[in-house]
N, C-alpha and C. Protein backbone atom coordinates (compact mmCIF):
# COMPACT_ATOMS: atom_id res chain seq x y z
N UNK A 1 119.97 104.42 88.47
CA UNK A 1 118.94 105.42 88.03
C UNK A 1 118.02 104.53 87.70
N UNK A 2 116.87 105.37 88.47
CA UNK A 2 115.99 105.00 87.82
C UNK A 2 115.53 105.60 86.03
N UNK A 3 115.15 104.47 85.08
CA UNK A 3 114.99 105.20 83.72
C UNK A 3 113.09 105.42 83.87
N UNK A 4 112.12 106.28 83.28
CA UNK A 4 111.01 106.19 83.38
C UNK A 4 110.62 105.87 81.44
N UNK A 5 110.82 105.20 81.03
CA UNK A 5 110.03 105.12 79.46
C UNK A 5 108.45 106.09 78.79
N UNK A 6 108.43 107.10 79.11
CA UNK A 6 107.73 107.38 78.55
C UNK A 6 106.79 108.14 78.14
N UNK A 7 105.36 107.66 77.78
CA UNK A 7 104.73 107.47 76.56
C UNK A 7 103.54 108.59 76.29
N UNK A 8 103.07 109.67 75.79
CA UNK A 8 102.57 110.64 75.83
C UNK A 8 101.26 110.14 75.81
N UNK A 9 100.56 111.16 76.52
CA UNK A 9 99.14 111.16 77.18
C UNK A 9 99.35 109.23 77.93
N UNK A 10 99.59 108.86 78.51
CA UNK A 10 99.76 107.58 78.77
C UNK A 10 99.50 107.30 80.37
N UNK A 11 99.11 106.24 81.04
CA UNK A 11 99.35 105.62 82.29
C UNK A 11 101.35 106.21 83.00
N UNK A 12 101.68 106.37 82.11
CA UNK A 12 103.52 106.94 82.66
C UNK A 12 103.16 107.88 83.97
N UNK A 13 102.01 108.43 83.11
CA UNK A 13 102.08 110.12 83.49
C UNK A 13 102.01 110.37 85.28
N UNK A 14 101.31 108.88 86.28
CA UNK A 14 100.99 108.97 86.87
C UNK A 14 102.54 108.64 88.07
N UNK A 15 103.33 107.71 87.20
CA UNK A 15 104.56 107.06 87.67
C UNK A 15 105.35 108.43 87.91
N UNK A 16 104.94 109.07 86.30
CA UNK A 16 106.09 110.17 87.05
C UNK A 16 105.40 111.42 87.74
N UNK A 17 104.09 111.86 88.26
CA UNK A 17 104.16 112.63 89.44
C UNK A 17 104.82 111.57 90.89
N UNK A 18 104.62 110.52 91.12
CA UNK A 18 105.10 109.01 92.45
C UNK A 18 106.47 109.95 92.07
N UNK A 19 107.14 110.19 91.16
CA UNK A 19 109.17 109.97 91.29
C UNK A 19 108.66 111.30 92.10
N UNK A 20 108.24 112.39 91.48
CA UNK A 20 108.22 113.46 92.07
C UNK A 20 107.61 113.69 93.74
N UNK A 21 107.17 112.99 93.52
CA UNK A 21 106.35 112.21 95.32
C UNK A 21 107.60 112.03 96.11
N UNK A 22 107.75 110.60 95.76
CA UNK A 22 109.41 110.25 96.52
C UNK A 22 110.48 111.02 96.65
N UNK A 23 110.28 112.04 95.27
CA UNK A 23 111.57 113.62 95.27
C UNK A 23 113.21 112.22 95.22
N UNK A 24 113.29 111.09 94.33
CA UNK A 24 114.53 109.97 94.16
C UNK A 24 114.81 110.94 92.68
N UNK A 25 116.06 110.23 92.62
CA UNK A 25 115.99 110.76 91.07
C UNK A 25 116.24 109.35 90.19
N UNK A 26 116.22 110.47 88.76
CA UNK A 26 115.16 109.62 87.42
C UNK A 26 115.79 109.89 86.45
N UNK A 27 115.19 109.48 85.35
CA UNK A 27 115.95 110.40 83.88
C UNK A 27 114.68 109.37 83.31
N UNK A 28 114.16 110.35 82.27
CA UNK A 28 112.84 109.49 81.43
C UNK A 28 113.19 109.58 80.06
N UNK A 29 113.03 109.00 79.88
CA UNK A 29 112.94 108.55 78.11
C UNK A 29 111.43 108.70 77.52
N UNK A 30 111.15 109.47 76.48
CA UNK A 30 109.98 109.89 75.72
C UNK A 30 110.12 109.03 74.53
N UNK A 31 108.53 108.78 74.47
CA UNK A 31 107.62 107.80 73.40
C UNK A 31 106.72 108.98 72.85
N UNK A 32 106.63 109.08 71.36
CA UNK A 32 105.99 109.39 70.79
C UNK A 32 104.97 108.37 70.23
N UNK A 33 103.49 108.56 70.17
CA UNK A 33 102.46 107.33 69.42
C UNK A 33 102.70 107.84 68.58
N UNK A 34 101.85 107.20 67.39
CA UNK A 34 102.03 106.91 65.99
C UNK A 34 101.01 107.38 65.94
N UNK A 35 101.39 108.80 64.79
CA UNK A 35 100.32 109.77 64.57
C UNK A 35 98.56 109.33 63.85
N UNK A 36 99.00 107.86 63.44
CA UNK A 36 97.55 107.58 62.38
C UNK A 36 97.28 106.30 63.44
N UNK A 37 97.91 105.61 63.97
CA UNK A 37 96.96 104.69 65.07
C UNK A 37 97.12 105.04 66.76
N UNK A 38 98.05 105.28 67.09
CA UNK A 38 97.94 105.87 67.88
C UNK A 38 98.46 105.34 69.34
N UNK A 39 98.58 104.41 68.60
CA UNK A 39 99.68 102.83 69.19
C UNK A 39 101.03 103.63 69.72
N UNK A 40 101.42 102.53 70.42
CA UNK A 40 103.01 103.04 71.43
C UNK A 40 103.56 102.36 70.09
N UNK A 41 105.14 103.47 69.75
CA UNK A 41 106.19 102.83 68.92
C UNK A 41 106.33 101.59 69.67
N UNK A 42 107.72 101.10 68.26
CA UNK A 42 107.72 99.78 68.26
C UNK A 42 109.15 99.76 69.01
N UNK A 43 109.66 100.73 69.68
CA UNK A 43 110.96 101.13 70.13
C UNK A 43 110.78 100.83 71.61
N UNK A 44 109.50 100.49 71.98
CA UNK A 44 109.12 100.14 73.59
C UNK A 44 109.14 99.19 73.05
N UNK A 45 109.36 97.90 72.54
CA UNK A 45 109.38 96.54 72.64
C UNK A 45 110.84 95.86 72.64
N UNK A 46 111.95 96.83 72.80
CA UNK A 46 113.17 97.33 72.93
C UNK A 46 113.02 96.76 74.15
N UNK A 47 112.70 97.20 75.27
CA UNK A 47 112.64 97.63 76.99
C UNK A 47 111.67 96.50 77.22
N UNK A 48 110.55 96.05 76.98
CA UNK A 48 109.20 94.99 77.15
C UNK A 48 108.79 95.01 76.16
N UNK A 49 108.89 93.44 75.92
CA UNK A 49 108.67 92.28 74.51
C UNK A 49 107.12 93.30 74.03
N UNK A 50 105.86 92.91 75.37
CA UNK A 50 104.45 93.72 74.87
C UNK A 50 104.65 95.66 74.22
N UNK A 51 105.45 96.14 74.75
CA UNK A 51 105.49 97.43 73.95
C UNK A 51 104.89 98.36 74.66
N UNK A 52 104.69 97.97 75.40
CA UNK A 52 103.28 98.99 76.40
C UNK A 52 104.30 100.26 77.35
N UNK A 53 103.80 101.32 77.61
CA UNK A 53 104.12 102.33 78.46
C UNK A 53 103.03 102.08 80.22
N UNK A 54 103.20 102.53 81.13
CA UNK A 54 104.63 102.50 81.80
C UNK A 54 105.70 101.14 81.40
N UNK A 55 106.94 101.80 81.49
CA UNK A 55 107.70 100.93 82.09
C UNK A 55 108.78 101.29 82.53
N UNK A 56 109.56 101.40 83.54
CA UNK A 56 110.38 101.31 84.29
C UNK A 56 112.22 100.72 83.83
N UNK A 57 112.63 100.80 83.87
CA UNK A 57 114.11 100.52 84.44
C UNK A 57 115.33 100.60 85.32
N UNK A 58 115.25 99.67 86.57
CA UNK A 58 116.11 100.10 87.62
C UNK A 58 117.47 99.29 88.12
N UNK A 59 118.35 99.33 88.28
CA UNK A 59 119.06 98.25 88.98
C UNK A 59 119.32 96.67 88.01
N UNK A 60 119.41 97.31 86.70
CA UNK A 60 119.11 96.49 85.56
C UNK A 60 117.87 95.50 85.46
N UNK A 61 116.69 96.04 86.73
CA UNK A 61 115.45 95.44 86.40
C UNK A 61 114.12 96.75 85.49
N UNK A 62 114.07 95.40 84.63
CA UNK A 62 112.60 96.33 83.56
C UNK A 62 111.33 95.41 84.88
N UNK A 63 110.76 96.51 84.69
CA UNK A 63 109.14 96.44 85.58
C UNK A 63 108.01 96.90 84.54
N UNK A 64 107.06 96.64 84.38
CA UNK A 64 106.16 96.17 83.47
C UNK A 64 104.49 96.53 84.44
N UNK A 65 103.71 97.19 84.33
CA UNK A 65 102.42 97.97 84.94
C UNK A 65 102.36 98.45 86.13
N UNK A 66 101.41 99.71 85.89
CA UNK A 66 100.90 100.41 86.95
C UNK A 66 101.89 100.26 88.06
N UNK A 67 100.61 98.96 88.63
CA UNK A 67 100.31 98.57 89.83
C UNK A 67 101.99 98.00 90.32
N UNK A 68 102.23 97.38 89.67
CA UNK A 68 103.23 96.64 90.20
C UNK A 68 104.45 97.27 90.42
N UNK A 69 104.34 98.61 88.93
CA UNK A 69 105.69 100.07 89.35
C UNK A 69 105.70 100.88 90.78
N UNK A 70 104.73 101.00 91.11
CA UNK A 70 104.24 101.96 92.08
C UNK A 70 103.91 101.29 93.05
N UNK A 71 104.06 99.69 93.46
CA UNK A 71 104.31 99.30 94.41
C UNK A 71 105.70 99.45 95.08
N UNK A 72 106.58 98.31 93.68
CA UNK A 72 108.28 98.73 93.71
C UNK A 72 108.57 99.91 94.14
N UNK A 73 108.32 100.72 93.82
CA UNK A 73 109.02 102.73 93.62
C UNK A 73 108.44 102.29 95.20
N UNK A 74 107.10 102.12 96.21
CA UNK A 74 107.69 102.88 97.02
C UNK A 74 108.01 101.79 98.38
N UNK A 75 107.97 100.55 98.36
CA UNK A 75 108.60 99.49 99.13
C UNK A 75 110.16 99.89 98.88
N UNK A 76 110.80 100.05 97.43
CA UNK A 76 111.88 100.16 97.67
C UNK A 76 112.48 101.81 97.78
N UNK A 77 111.21 102.81 97.37
CA UNK A 77 112.33 104.20 97.28
C UNK A 77 111.30 105.25 98.64
N UNK A 78 110.21 104.47 99.01
CA UNK A 78 108.98 105.16 99.96
C UNK A 78 108.72 104.74 101.54
N UNK A 79 110.02 104.31 102.03
CA UNK A 79 110.10 104.06 103.44
C UNK A 79 109.86 105.01 104.67
N UNK A 80 110.41 106.29 103.87
CA UNK A 80 109.90 107.38 104.83
C UNK A 80 109.06 108.78 104.15
N UNK A 81 108.36 108.41 103.30
CA UNK A 81 107.55 108.70 102.62
C UNK A 81 106.22 109.20 103.53
N UNK A 82 105.28 108.24 104.03
CA UNK A 82 104.10 108.03 104.59
C UNK A 82 103.48 107.34 103.93
N UNK A 83 103.67 107.44 101.96
CA UNK A 83 102.78 106.45 101.31
C UNK A 83 102.70 105.37 102.16
N UNK A 84 102.94 104.84 102.67
CA UNK A 84 103.09 102.62 103.35
C UNK A 84 101.78 103.26 104.49
N UNK A 85 100.76 102.72 104.45
CA UNK A 85 99.78 102.94 105.63
C UNK A 85 100.27 101.51 106.70
N UNK A 86 99.74 101.83 107.28
CA UNK A 86 100.10 100.90 108.25
C UNK A 86 99.42 99.28 108.58
N UNK A 87 100.49 98.62 108.61
CA UNK A 87 99.99 96.70 108.28
C UNK A 87 98.60 96.54 108.94
N UNK A 88 98.25 96.13 108.24
CA UNK A 88 96.67 95.29 108.58
C UNK A 88 95.45 96.27 108.63
N UNK A 89 95.65 97.22 108.77
CA UNK A 89 94.95 98.52 108.95
C UNK A 89 93.97 98.24 107.77
N UNK A 90 92.13 99.21 107.80
CA UNK A 90 91.34 99.32 107.61
C UNK A 90 92.45 100.13 106.10
N UNK A 91 93.45 101.32 106.41
CA UNK A 91 93.65 102.05 105.30
C UNK A 91 95.50 100.80 104.70
N UNK A 92 95.00 99.88 104.99
CA UNK A 92 95.97 99.27 103.72
C UNK A 92 95.20 98.64 102.92
N UNK A 93 93.91 97.94 103.27
CA UNK A 93 93.29 97.35 103.05
C UNK A 93 92.83 97.93 101.53
N UNK A 94 91.95 99.43 101.84
CA UNK A 94 91.47 100.27 100.60
C UNK A 94 92.46 100.57 99.70
N UNK A 95 93.85 100.99 99.85
CA UNK A 95 94.89 101.14 98.98
C UNK A 95 95.35 99.96 98.67
N UNK A 96 95.10 98.98 98.85
CA UNK A 96 95.18 97.40 97.64
C UNK A 96 93.55 97.40 96.99
N UNK A 97 93.06 97.33 97.57
CA UNK A 97 91.24 97.40 96.99
C UNK A 97 91.26 98.89 95.44
N UNK A 98 91.91 99.63 95.63
CA UNK A 98 91.57 100.47 94.61
C UNK A 98 93.24 100.45 93.92
N UNK A 99 94.03 100.32 94.51
CA UNK A 99 95.00 99.90 93.26
C UNK A 99 94.65 99.18 92.48
N UNK A 100 94.30 98.02 92.74
CA UNK A 100 93.59 97.10 91.96
C UNK A 100 92.45 97.20 90.61
N UNK A 101 91.53 97.72 91.60
CA UNK A 101 90.37 98.60 91.43
C UNK A 101 90.05 98.93 89.53
N UNK A 102 91.10 100.48 89.79
CA UNK A 102 91.67 100.97 88.80
C UNK A 102 91.92 100.35 87.20
N UNK A 103 92.59 99.69 87.49
CA UNK A 103 92.19 98.27 85.92
C UNK A 103 91.44 97.33 86.18
N UNK A 104 91.74 96.78 87.10
CA UNK A 104 91.03 95.74 86.88
C UNK A 104 89.38 95.49 86.69
N UNK A 105 88.87 96.26 87.21
CA UNK A 105 87.42 97.15 87.48
C UNK A 105 87.02 98.08 86.40
N UNK A 106 87.57 99.23 86.54
CA UNK A 106 87.15 100.44 85.69
C UNK A 106 87.86 100.55 84.67
N UNK A 107 88.93 100.92 84.31
CA UNK A 107 89.52 101.10 82.93
C UNK A 107 88.84 100.07 82.05
N UNK A 108 88.95 98.58 81.51
CA UNK A 108 87.88 98.07 80.60
C UNK A 108 86.72 98.90 80.34
N UNK A 109 86.18 99.51 80.95
CA UNK A 109 84.41 99.55 80.82
C UNK A 109 85.35 101.51 79.77
N UNK A 110 85.71 102.08 80.58
CA UNK A 110 86.35 103.67 80.00
C UNK A 110 87.60 103.25 78.33
N UNK A 111 87.65 101.96 78.75
CA UNK A 111 88.17 101.88 77.33
C UNK A 111 87.35 100.89 76.03
N UNK A 112 86.65 100.34 76.79
CA UNK A 112 85.46 100.15 75.97
C UNK A 112 84.79 101.06 74.69
N UNK A 113 84.24 102.06 75.76
CA UNK A 113 83.34 103.73 75.14
C UNK A 113 84.69 104.31 74.94
N UNK A 114 85.70 104.36 74.75
CA UNK A 114 86.47 104.54 73.59
C UNK A 114 86.74 103.79 71.88
N UNK A 115 86.41 102.80 72.27
CA UNK A 115 86.97 101.85 71.42
C UNK A 115 85.51 101.82 70.73
N UNK A 116 84.07 102.04 70.93
CA UNK A 116 83.15 101.85 70.69
C UNK A 116 82.57 103.06 69.74
N UNK A 117 83.17 104.58 71.00
CA UNK A 117 82.65 105.52 70.17
C UNK A 117 83.72 105.88 68.78
N UNK A 118 84.39 105.14 68.97
CA UNK A 118 85.41 105.35 67.59
C UNK A 118 85.41 104.30 66.47
N UNK A 119 84.35 103.18 66.92
CA UNK A 119 84.09 102.67 65.65
C UNK A 119 82.43 103.03 64.96
N UNK A 120 82.20 104.40 65.84
CA UNK A 120 81.02 105.21 65.32
C UNK A 120 81.37 106.07 64.03
N UNK A 121 82.40 106.48 64.04
CA UNK A 121 83.16 107.65 63.43
C UNK A 121 84.54 107.17 62.40
N UNK A 122 84.46 105.38 63.00
CA UNK A 122 85.62 105.19 61.86
C UNK A 122 85.39 105.04 60.42
N UNK A 123 86.63 105.28 59.09
CA UNK A 123 85.63 104.83 58.17
C UNK A 123 85.91 103.48 57.76
N UNK A 124 84.23 103.56 56.59
CA UNK A 124 83.65 102.57 56.48
C UNK A 124 82.84 102.57 55.15
N UNK A 125 82.84 101.66 54.64
CA UNK A 125 81.47 101.27 53.62
C UNK A 125 80.41 102.16 54.12
N UNK A 126 79.67 103.63 53.26
CA UNK A 126 78.67 103.09 53.58
C UNK A 126 77.64 102.46 53.60
N UNK A 127 76.99 102.31 53.33
CA UNK A 127 76.01 100.40 53.64
C UNK A 127 76.70 99.93 54.63
N UNK A 128 77.44 99.87 55.40
CA UNK A 128 77.85 99.82 56.46
C UNK A 128 78.27 100.22 58.29
N UNK A 129 78.03 101.46 57.40
CA UNK A 129 78.10 102.45 58.72
C UNK A 129 76.69 102.52 59.41
N UNK A 130 75.60 102.69 58.88
CA UNK A 130 74.42 103.13 60.23
C UNK A 130 74.60 100.84 60.27
N UNK A 131 74.90 100.31 59.85
CA UNK A 131 74.63 98.55 61.14
C UNK A 131 75.90 98.99 62.01
N UNK A 132 76.98 99.10 61.95
CA UNK A 132 78.12 99.46 62.59
C UNK A 132 77.96 100.23 63.65
N UNK A 133 76.70 101.55 63.59
CA UNK A 133 76.97 102.72 64.21
C UNK A 133 75.58 101.95 65.13
N UNK A 134 74.39 101.20 65.01
CA UNK A 134 73.82 101.11 65.63
C UNK A 134 74.14 99.91 66.82
N UNK A 135 74.52 98.83 66.09
CA UNK A 135 75.40 98.37 66.88
C UNK A 135 76.40 98.90 68.01
N UNK A 136 77.39 99.77 67.70
CA UNK A 136 77.73 100.43 68.46
C UNK A 136 77.12 101.34 69.71
N UNK A 137 76.37 102.01 69.29
CA UNK A 137 75.17 102.53 69.88
C UNK A 137 74.05 101.84 70.71
N UNK A 138 74.05 100.12 70.67
CA UNK A 138 73.30 99.29 71.27
C UNK A 138 74.05 98.93 72.64
N UNK A 139 75.18 98.45 72.73
CA UNK A 139 76.36 98.40 73.12
C UNK A 139 76.39 99.14 74.58
N UNK A 140 76.84 99.65 73.91
CA UNK A 140 76.92 101.46 74.77
C UNK A 140 75.57 101.57 75.71
N UNK A 141 74.77 101.80 75.36
CA UNK A 141 73.68 101.44 75.74
C UNK A 141 73.15 100.68 76.87
N UNK A 142 73.62 99.38 76.59
CA UNK A 142 73.61 98.83 77.82
C UNK A 142 74.00 97.58 78.43
N UNK A 143 75.32 97.76 77.39
CA UNK A 143 76.13 97.18 79.18
C UNK A 143 76.92 98.56 79.01
N UNK A 144 77.71 98.82 78.49
CA UNK A 144 78.87 100.05 79.06
C UNK A 144 78.64 101.35 80.05
N UNK A 145 77.78 101.52 79.35
CA UNK A 145 77.78 103.23 80.13
C UNK A 145 77.35 102.65 81.43
N UNK A 146 75.88 101.91 81.89
CA UNK A 146 75.74 101.60 82.87
C UNK A 146 76.63 100.87 83.71
N UNK A 147 77.50 100.56 83.45
CA UNK A 147 78.88 100.13 83.91
C UNK A 147 79.69 101.70 84.96
N UNK A 148 79.96 102.06 83.28
CA UNK A 148 80.22 103.37 83.39
C UNK A 148 79.80 104.02 84.87
N UNK A 149 78.57 104.56 85.08
CA UNK A 149 78.11 105.13 85.49
C UNK A 149 77.56 104.68 87.21
N UNK A 150 77.86 103.28 87.20
CA UNK A 150 77.53 102.55 88.71
C UNK A 150 78.90 102.29 88.65
N UNK A 151 80.10 102.57 88.46
CA UNK A 151 81.43 102.49 88.93
C UNK A 151 81.69 104.37 89.39
N UNK A 152 81.61 105.38 88.44
CA UNK A 152 81.40 106.02 89.17
C UNK A 152 80.76 107.04 90.18
N UNK A 153 79.55 106.35 89.99
CA UNK A 153 78.69 106.80 91.61
C UNK A 153 79.20 105.88 93.06
N UNK A 154 79.93 105.12 92.59
CA UNK A 154 80.67 104.41 93.77
C UNK A 154 81.92 105.25 94.37
N UNK A 155 82.38 105.63 92.90
CA UNK A 155 84.29 106.32 93.65
C UNK A 155 83.40 107.99 93.92
N UNK A 156 82.50 107.96 93.43
CA UNK A 156 82.19 109.49 94.89
C UNK A 156 81.95 109.35 95.54
N UNK A 157 81.00 108.58 95.47
CA UNK A 157 80.09 107.74 97.23
C UNK A 157 81.88 107.97 98.39
N UNK A 158 82.36 107.27 97.14
CA UNK A 158 83.60 107.00 98.55
C UNK A 158 84.40 107.78 98.74
N UNK A 159 84.90 108.80 97.81
CA UNK A 159 85.90 110.14 97.97
C UNK A 159 84.41 110.51 98.63
N UNK A 160 83.42 111.32 98.01
CA UNK A 160 82.92 112.15 99.49
C UNK A 160 82.87 111.91 100.63
N UNK A 161 82.88 110.48 101.30
CA UNK A 161 83.75 110.05 102.77
C UNK A 161 84.77 110.48 103.20
N UNK A 162 86.16 110.78 102.02
CA UNK A 162 87.06 110.23 102.32
C UNK A 162 88.44 111.24 101.38
N UNK A 163 89.49 112.12 102.01
CA UNK A 163 89.94 112.82 101.54
C UNK A 163 90.80 112.21 100.21
N UNK A 164 91.55 110.90 100.93
CA UNK A 164 92.79 110.26 99.33
C UNK A 164 91.44 108.54 99.44
N UNK A 165 92.58 108.63 98.69
CA UNK A 165 91.18 106.79 98.40
C UNK A 165 91.46 106.03 99.48
N UNK A 166 92.41 105.96 100.61
CA UNK A 166 92.73 105.10 101.47
C UNK A 166 92.67 105.68 102.70
N UNK A 167 92.08 106.96 102.84
CA UNK A 167 91.25 107.85 103.90
C UNK A 167 92.26 109.45 103.96
N UNK A 168 92.45 109.57 105.36
CA UNK A 168 93.56 111.17 105.28
C UNK A 168 94.85 111.48 104.84
N UNK A 169 95.48 110.01 104.08
CA UNK A 169 96.89 110.01 103.77
C UNK A 169 97.42 109.97 102.59
N UNK A 170 97.56 110.08 101.63
CA UNK A 170 97.96 110.00 100.48
C UNK A 170 98.62 108.67 100.25
N UNK A 171 98.03 107.61 99.39
CA UNK A 171 98.53 106.26 99.28
C UNK A 171 98.91 106.34 97.47
N UNK A 172 99.08 104.31 97.69
CA UNK A 172 99.55 104.14 96.51
C UNK A 172 98.53 104.37 95.17
N UNK A 173 97.28 103.40 96.53
CA UNK A 173 95.67 103.82 95.59
C UNK A 173 94.97 105.10 94.90
N UNK A 174 96.13 105.98 95.13
CA UNK A 174 95.80 107.78 94.39
C UNK A 174 96.47 108.22 92.99
N UNK A 175 98.00 107.28 93.18
CA UNK A 175 98.84 107.88 91.86
C UNK A 175 97.71 106.82 91.10
N UNK A 176 97.51 105.88 91.00
CA UNK A 176 97.03 104.73 90.31
C UNK A 176 95.03 104.97 89.74
N UNK A 177 94.84 105.60 90.58
CA UNK A 177 93.51 106.20 90.86
C UNK A 177 93.07 107.30 89.54
N UNK A 178 94.63 107.84 89.74
CA UNK A 178 94.41 108.81 89.08
C UNK A 178 94.16 109.16 87.51
N UNK A 179 94.71 108.62 86.73
CA UNK A 179 94.49 108.29 85.94
C UNK A 179 93.28 107.84 84.49
N UNK A 180 92.47 106.85 85.27
CA UNK A 180 91.17 106.43 85.27
C UNK A 180 90.33 107.37 85.19
N UNK A 181 90.71 108.56 86.30
CA UNK A 181 89.71 109.99 87.09
C UNK A 181 89.68 110.92 85.47
N UNK A 182 90.92 110.87 85.48
CA UNK A 182 91.19 111.93 84.93
C UNK A 182 90.23 111.42 83.35
N UNK A 183 90.87 110.45 83.44
CA UNK A 183 90.66 109.74 81.55
C UNK A 183 88.41 109.99 81.56
N UNK A 184 88.07 109.81 82.45
CA UNK A 184 86.78 109.47 82.76
C UNK A 184 85.97 110.76 82.68
N UNK A 185 86.95 112.01 83.15
CA UNK A 185 85.97 113.86 82.78
C UNK A 185 86.26 113.69 81.64
N UNK A 186 87.41 113.16 80.88
CA UNK A 186 87.33 113.59 79.49
C UNK A 186 86.76 112.65 79.03
N UNK A 187 86.32 111.63 79.12
CA UNK A 187 85.31 110.45 78.06
C UNK A 187 83.73 110.67 78.78
N UNK A 188 83.99 110.52 79.69
CA UNK A 188 81.79 110.19 80.39
C UNK A 188 81.55 111.65 80.66
N UNK A 189 80.04 112.06 80.38
CA UNK A 189 79.41 112.82 80.90
C UNK A 189 79.05 112.34 82.32
N UNK A 190 78.96 111.12 82.75
CA UNK A 190 78.59 110.80 83.72
C UNK A 190 79.47 111.31 85.13
N UNK A 191 80.51 111.07 84.74
CA UNK A 191 82.10 111.22 86.10
C UNK A 191 82.07 113.08 86.35
N UNK A 192 81.42 114.32 85.03
CA UNK A 192 81.95 115.51 85.48
C UNK A 192 80.09 116.04 85.98
N UNK A 193 79.39 114.63 85.94
CA UNK A 193 78.50 115.69 86.97
C UNK A 193 79.10 114.88 88.53
N UNK A 194 79.76 114.60 88.94
CA UNK A 194 80.03 113.88 90.39
C UNK A 194 81.28 114.96 90.81
N UNK A 195 80.71 115.73 92.51
CA UNK A 195 81.59 117.20 92.53
C UNK A 195 82.67 116.02 93.52
N UNK A 196 82.85 114.94 93.70
CA UNK A 196 84.18 114.04 95.04
C UNK A 196 84.77 114.40 94.05
N UNK A 197 84.33 113.55 92.87
CA UNK A 197 85.71 112.84 92.11
C UNK A 197 86.43 114.25 91.21
N UNK A 198 85.09 115.33 90.61
CA UNK A 198 86.08 116.69 90.02
C UNK A 198 87.11 117.08 91.25
N UNK A 199 87.07 116.93 92.60
CA UNK A 199 87.52 117.49 93.89
C UNK A 199 88.71 116.90 93.73
N UNK A 200 88.32 115.49 93.67
CA UNK A 200 89.81 114.58 94.54
C UNK A 200 90.86 114.85 93.03
N UNK A 201 90.65 114.73 91.92
CA UNK A 201 91.69 115.41 90.71
C UNK A 201 92.16 117.04 90.79
N UNK A 202 91.10 117.56 91.03
CA UNK A 202 91.27 119.40 91.29
C UNK A 202 92.71 119.17 92.18
N UNK A 203 92.55 118.39 93.41
CA UNK A 203 93.15 118.28 94.20
C UNK A 203 94.86 117.92 94.22
N UNK A 204 94.69 116.81 92.99
CA UNK A 204 95.97 116.48 92.61
C UNK A 204 96.64 116.76 92.03
N UNK A 205 96.00 118.01 90.89
CA UNK A 205 96.49 118.86 89.89
C UNK A 205 96.76 119.72 90.76
N UNK A 206 96.12 120.32 91.65
CA UNK A 206 97.43 121.63 92.52
C UNK A 206 98.36 120.91 93.39
N UNK A 207 98.88 119.48 93.62
CA UNK A 207 99.89 119.76 94.10
C UNK A 207 101.39 119.76 93.64
N UNK A 208 102.19 120.20 94.22
CA UNK A 208 103.41 120.81 93.62
C UNK A 208 104.13 119.63 92.73
N UNK A 209 104.20 118.49 92.91
CA UNK A 209 104.22 117.25 92.83
C UNK A 209 103.51 117.28 91.83
N UNK A 210 102.66 117.15 91.21
CA UNK A 210 102.09 116.73 90.10
C UNK A 210 102.18 117.66 88.81
N UNK A 211 102.11 119.04 89.41
CA UNK A 211 102.52 120.18 88.47
C UNK A 211 104.30 120.07 87.92
N UNK A 212 105.36 119.69 88.88
CA UNK A 212 106.49 119.44 88.30
C UNK A 212 106.47 118.08 87.74
N UNK A 213 105.57 116.55 87.55
CA UNK A 213 105.36 115.91 87.01
C UNK A 213 104.70 116.59 85.60
N UNK A 214 104.11 117.01 85.21
CA UNK A 214 103.39 117.75 84.31
C UNK A 214 104.14 118.45 83.19
N UNK A 215 105.27 118.80 83.91
CA UNK A 215 105.68 120.43 83.56
C UNK A 215 107.30 118.91 82.62
N UNK A 216 108.09 117.89 83.62
CA UNK A 216 108.72 117.29 82.80
C UNK A 216 108.29 116.29 81.71
N UNK A 217 106.74 115.69 82.08
CA UNK A 217 106.62 115.19 81.27
C UNK A 217 105.55 115.71 79.78
N UNK A 218 105.98 116.67 79.47
CA UNK A 218 105.07 116.86 78.44
C UNK A 218 103.96 117.50 78.04
N UNK A 219 103.30 118.20 76.83
CA UNK A 219 101.31 117.39 77.31
C UNK A 219 101.18 116.79 76.75
N UNK A 220 99.82 116.67 77.96
CA UNK A 220 98.89 115.84 78.45
C UNK A 220 97.52 116.44 78.30
N UNK A 221 96.80 115.85 77.69
CA UNK A 221 95.25 115.67 77.23
C UNK A 221 94.67 116.08 78.31
N UNK A 222 94.88 115.05 79.50
CA UNK A 222 93.80 114.71 79.98
C UNK A 222 94.04 115.60 81.27
N UNK A 223 95.43 116.47 81.86
CA UNK A 223 95.45 117.89 82.78
C UNK A 223 94.14 118.76 83.22
């Protein structure tokens, strides 16, 4: 049986959605973040040395990294699911691209946005605070925010011409891209102004499989 090692408010929510979409039997083992650090608990390191979620175990195998998990689950359990585009098609190229774009291009800027905003509000000696805030603001203004804005515009333009990331049908790319777009709508004012991104997230949230995953996964701040 598949076991999803599910960390609250994390990328593993998208794996839950995929498991529901595939209709496979699975179990959930839940983990809570440390209330002070917001990091995953050390107990996850018993499953994988890096101690990060999502993780799945299946048939004696431990599989990490969202893109790898998504590809594995669809390849192993989704042959008749309609989630696999035709080989060597434009849809296959698009599915591959967005599957890797999510973590390779988009999430680094969203994480930097979170980190630099936290720096501005973190406890520190009063005489250091103005300097730290000024540096954080400058990095956000000159580097991070422009890249977030351009990435969001790029995604919005693509979604304005496509129902799903690879075209008319759902693929692995949609399960991978939902988390960064949920996070972006939560953290980025730029994303909130882009209708195609909002429409896509609302479209996902309206599916029965996503609703079922949300119910099973527990509280999730981005939905």
